[in-house]
């Protein structure tokens, strides 16, 4: 099992950051890189937690994770995608009031990996040789910085 996390401070309120994040159609206007597109698998259909799938296009892959909700859906956005027993990733985006940026947001991405191939995202020799964890973290950090720039431009 492996996990990964990347966070950033954004000088905009959580509601604004959440709104920008959830405006999936605007993603290409502020980010080019790791996340190519995110949206409902059935365009225009509201997402029902635990039932509906997303269409997520990353650099080099497309997958259809199930949209989930955590205890406080307004402060997080969550999905889980898997190839049963082989590889599962549960991805969580959080939008928390910042403790260091007055009126701002601590935006985080976190994913927990499990299954037979989860070692690819681990700290072990093979995981490090493959470089997938570092490449993924670099992609997330680029997205986080792009989201920050877009939110702070709008908020100022």
Protein backbone atom coordinates (compact mmCIF):
# COMPACT_ATOMS: atom_id res chain seq x y z
CA UNK A 1 0.00 0.00 0.00
CA UNK A 2 1.21 3.48 -0.81
CA UNK A 3 -0.04 7.00 -0.41
CA UNK A 4 0.70 10.43 -1.77
CA UNK A 5 -0.22 13.97 -0.72
CA UNK A 6 0.35 17.46 -2.10
CA UNK A 7 -0.98 20.69 -0.54
CA UNK A 8 -0.87 24.40 -1.28
CA UNK A 9 -2.06 27.60 0.39
CA UNK A 10 -4.44 29.68 -1.74
CA UNK A 11 -5.34 33.29 -0.89
CA UNK A 12 -9.02 32.81 -1.70
CA UNK A 13 -11.90 31.48 0.43
CA UNK A 14 -12.69 27.75 0.34
CA UNK A 15 -16.04 28.34 -1.43
CA UNK A 16 -14.26 30.13 -4.31
CA UNK A 17 -11.57 27.45 -4.61
CA UNK A 18 -14.22 24.69 -4.56
CA UNK A 19 -16.26 26.50 -7.21
CA UNK A 20 -13.23 26.90 -9.48
CA UNK A 21 -12.25 23.26 -9.00
CA UNK A 22 -15.79 22.02 -9.72
CA UNK A 23 -16.05 24.14 -12.87
CA UNK A 24 -14.59 21.26 -14.86
CA UNK A 25 -15.16 22.93 -18.23
CA UNK A 26 -12.77 25.76 -17.30
CA UNK A 27 -9.90 23.37 -16.41
CA UNK A 28 -8.09 23.78 -19.78
CA UNK A 29 -8.18 27.57 -19.41
CA UNK A 30 -5.92 27.55 -16.35
CA UNK A 31 -4.12 24.18 -16.39
CA UNK A 32 -2.24 22.26 -19.03
CA UNK A 33 -0.47 19.24 -17.75
CA UNK A 34 -1.33 16.35 -15.49
CA UNK A 35 -5.13 16.69 -15.47
CA UNK A 36 -6.36 17.01 -19.05
CA UNK A 37 -10.06 16.87 -18.13
CA UNK A 38 -12.37 15.88 -15.29
CA UNK A 39 -16.13 15.59 -15.54
CA UNK A 40 -19.15 13.33 -15.34
CA UNK A 41 -18.88 10.20 -17.51
CA UNK A 42 -22.35 11.15 -18.75
CA UNK A 43 -22.00 14.84 -19.74
CA UNK A 44 -24.59 17.14 -18.22
CA UNK A 45 -25.80 14.56 -15.69
CA UNK A 46 -25.52 15.59 -12.03
CA UNK A 47 -23.25 13.25 -10.10
CA UNK A 48 -24.91 10.93 -7.61
CA UNK A 49 -22.43 9.80 -4.94
CA UNK A 50 -21.63 6.11 -5.02
CA UNK A 51 -23.53 5.55 -8.27
CA UNK A 52 -22.12 7.75 -11.00
CA UNK A 53 -18.75 7.65 -12.66
CA UNK A 54 -16.41 10.40 -13.70
CA UNK A 55 -14.37 10.60 -16.85
CA UNK A 56 -10.85 11.57 -15.81
CA UNK A 57 -8.19 12.13 -18.46
CA UNK A 58 -4.60 12.35 -17.21
CA UNK A 59 -1.33 12.55 -19.07
CA UNK A 60 -1.24 9.17 -20.79
CA UNK A 61 -4.40 7.55 -19.41
CA UNK A 62 -8.16 7.81 -19.10
CA UNK A 63 -10.22 6.15 -16.40
CA UNK A 64 -13.74 6.18 -15.00
CA UNK A 65 -13.66 6.25 -11.20
CA UNK A 66 -16.80 6.17 -9.07
CA UNK A 67 -17.69 9.55 -7.57
CA UNK A 68 -17.89 9.39 -3.76
CA UNK A 69 -18.62 11.87 -1.00
CA UNK A 70 -17.01 12.10 2.40
CA UNK A 71 -18.71 13.10 5.66
CA UNK A 72 -18.56 16.80 4.75
CA UNK A 73 -19.13 16.98 0.99
CA UNK A 74 -18.71 20.76 0.91
CA UNK A 75 -15.10 20.47 2.11
CA UNK A 76 -13.98 17.56 -0.05
CA UNK A 77 -14.36 15.89 -3.41
CA UNK A 78 -13.54 12.21 -3.63
CA UNK A 79 -13.41 9.37 -6.14
CA UNK A 80 -12.19 5.79 -6.24
CA UNK A 81 -10.97 3.96 -9.31
CA UNK A 82 -9.82 0.39 -9.50
CA UNK A 83 -8.94 -2.73 -11.33
CA UNK A 84 -10.20 -5.12 -8.62
CA UNK A 85 -7.40 -6.74 -6.59
CA UNK A 86 -4.79 -5.36 -8.99
CA UNK A 87 -4.77 -1.61 -8.31
CA UNK A 88 -7.12 0.76 -6.49
CA UNK A 89 -6.68 4.46 -5.90
CA UNK A 90 -8.90 6.57 -3.68
CA UNK A 91 -8.32 10.25 -4.49
CA UNK A 92 -9.46 13.04 -2.19
CA UNK A 93 -9.35 16.78 -2.86
CA UNK A 94 -9.91 18.92 0.26
CA UNK A 95 -10.73 22.61 0.65
CA UNK A 96 -10.07 23.59 4.26
CA UNK A 97 -9.98 27.06 5.81
CA UNK A 98 -6.30 28.00 6.02
CA UNK A 99 -4.57 28.22 9.37
CA UNK A 100 -1.74 30.31 7.86
CA UNK A 101 -3.41 32.45 5.16
CA UNK A 102 -6.17 34.62 6.67
CA UNK A 103 -9.40 34.06 4.71
CA UNK A 104 -7.63 31.56 2.48
CA UNK A 105 -7.75 27.86 1.72
CA UNK A 106 -5.46 24.93 2.27
CA UNK A 107 -6.08 22.86 -0.87
CA UNK A 108 -4.83 19.27 -0.75
CA UNK A 109 -4.83 16.22 -2.94
CA UNK A 110 -4.30 12.84 -1.34
CA UNK A 111 -4.50 9.34 -2.71
CA UNK A 112 -4.19 5.94 -1.07
CA UNK A 113 -3.21 3.03 -3.28
CA UNK A 114 -3.86 -0.66 -2.68
CA UNK A 115 -3.82 -3.90 -4.63
CA UNK A 116 -1.11 -6.09 -6.11
CA UNK A 117 0.43 -3.27 -8.17
CA UNK A 118 0.28 -0.60 -5.46
CA UNK A 119 4.03 -1.05 -4.95
CA UNK A 120 4.42 1.09 -8.10
CA UNK A 121 3.39 4.10 -5.99
CA UNK A 122 5.44 3.09 -2.97
CA UNK A 123 8.81 3.99 -1.52
CA UNK A 124 10.45 0.63 -2.27
CA UNK A 125 13.16 -0.09 -4.80
CA UNK A 126 10.80 -0.94 -7.69
CA UNK A 127 8.51 1.99 -6.95
CA UNK A 128 11.47 4.37 -6.94
CA UNK A 129 12.87 2.87 -10.16
CA UNK A 130 9.53 3.29 -11.95
CA UNK A 131 9.28 6.91 -10.81
CA UNK A 132 5.48 6.94 -10.95
CA UNK A 133 5.03 8.37 -7.47
CA UNK A 134 7.38 11.29 -8.13
CA UNK A 135 5.89 11.96 -11.57
CA UNK A 136 2.38 11.93 -10.08
CA UNK A 137 3.36 14.26 -7.24
CA UNK A 138 5.00 16.66 -9.69
CA UNK A 139 1.81 16.65 -11.79
CA UNK A 140 -0.35 17.33 -8.75
CA UNK A 141 1.92 20.17 -7.61
CA UNK A 142 1.67 21.76 -11.07
CA UNK A 143 -2.13 21.48 -10.96
CA UNK A 144 -2.22 22.91 -7.42
CA UNK A 145 -0.08 25.89 -8.48
CA UNK A 146 -2.26 26.50 -11.55
CA UNK A 147 -5.45 26.33 -9.46
CA UNK A 148 -3.89 28.74 -6.95
CA UNK A 149 -3.00 31.23 -9.69
CA UNK A 150 -6.49 31.03 -11.22
CA UNK A 151 -8.25 31.45 -7.85
CA UNK A 152 -6.04 34.30 -6.68
CA UNK A 153 -6.45 36.11 -10.00
CA UNK A 154 -10.25 35.86 -9.67
CA UNK A 155 -10.26 36.65 -5.95
CA UNK A 156 -8.10 39.79 -6.14
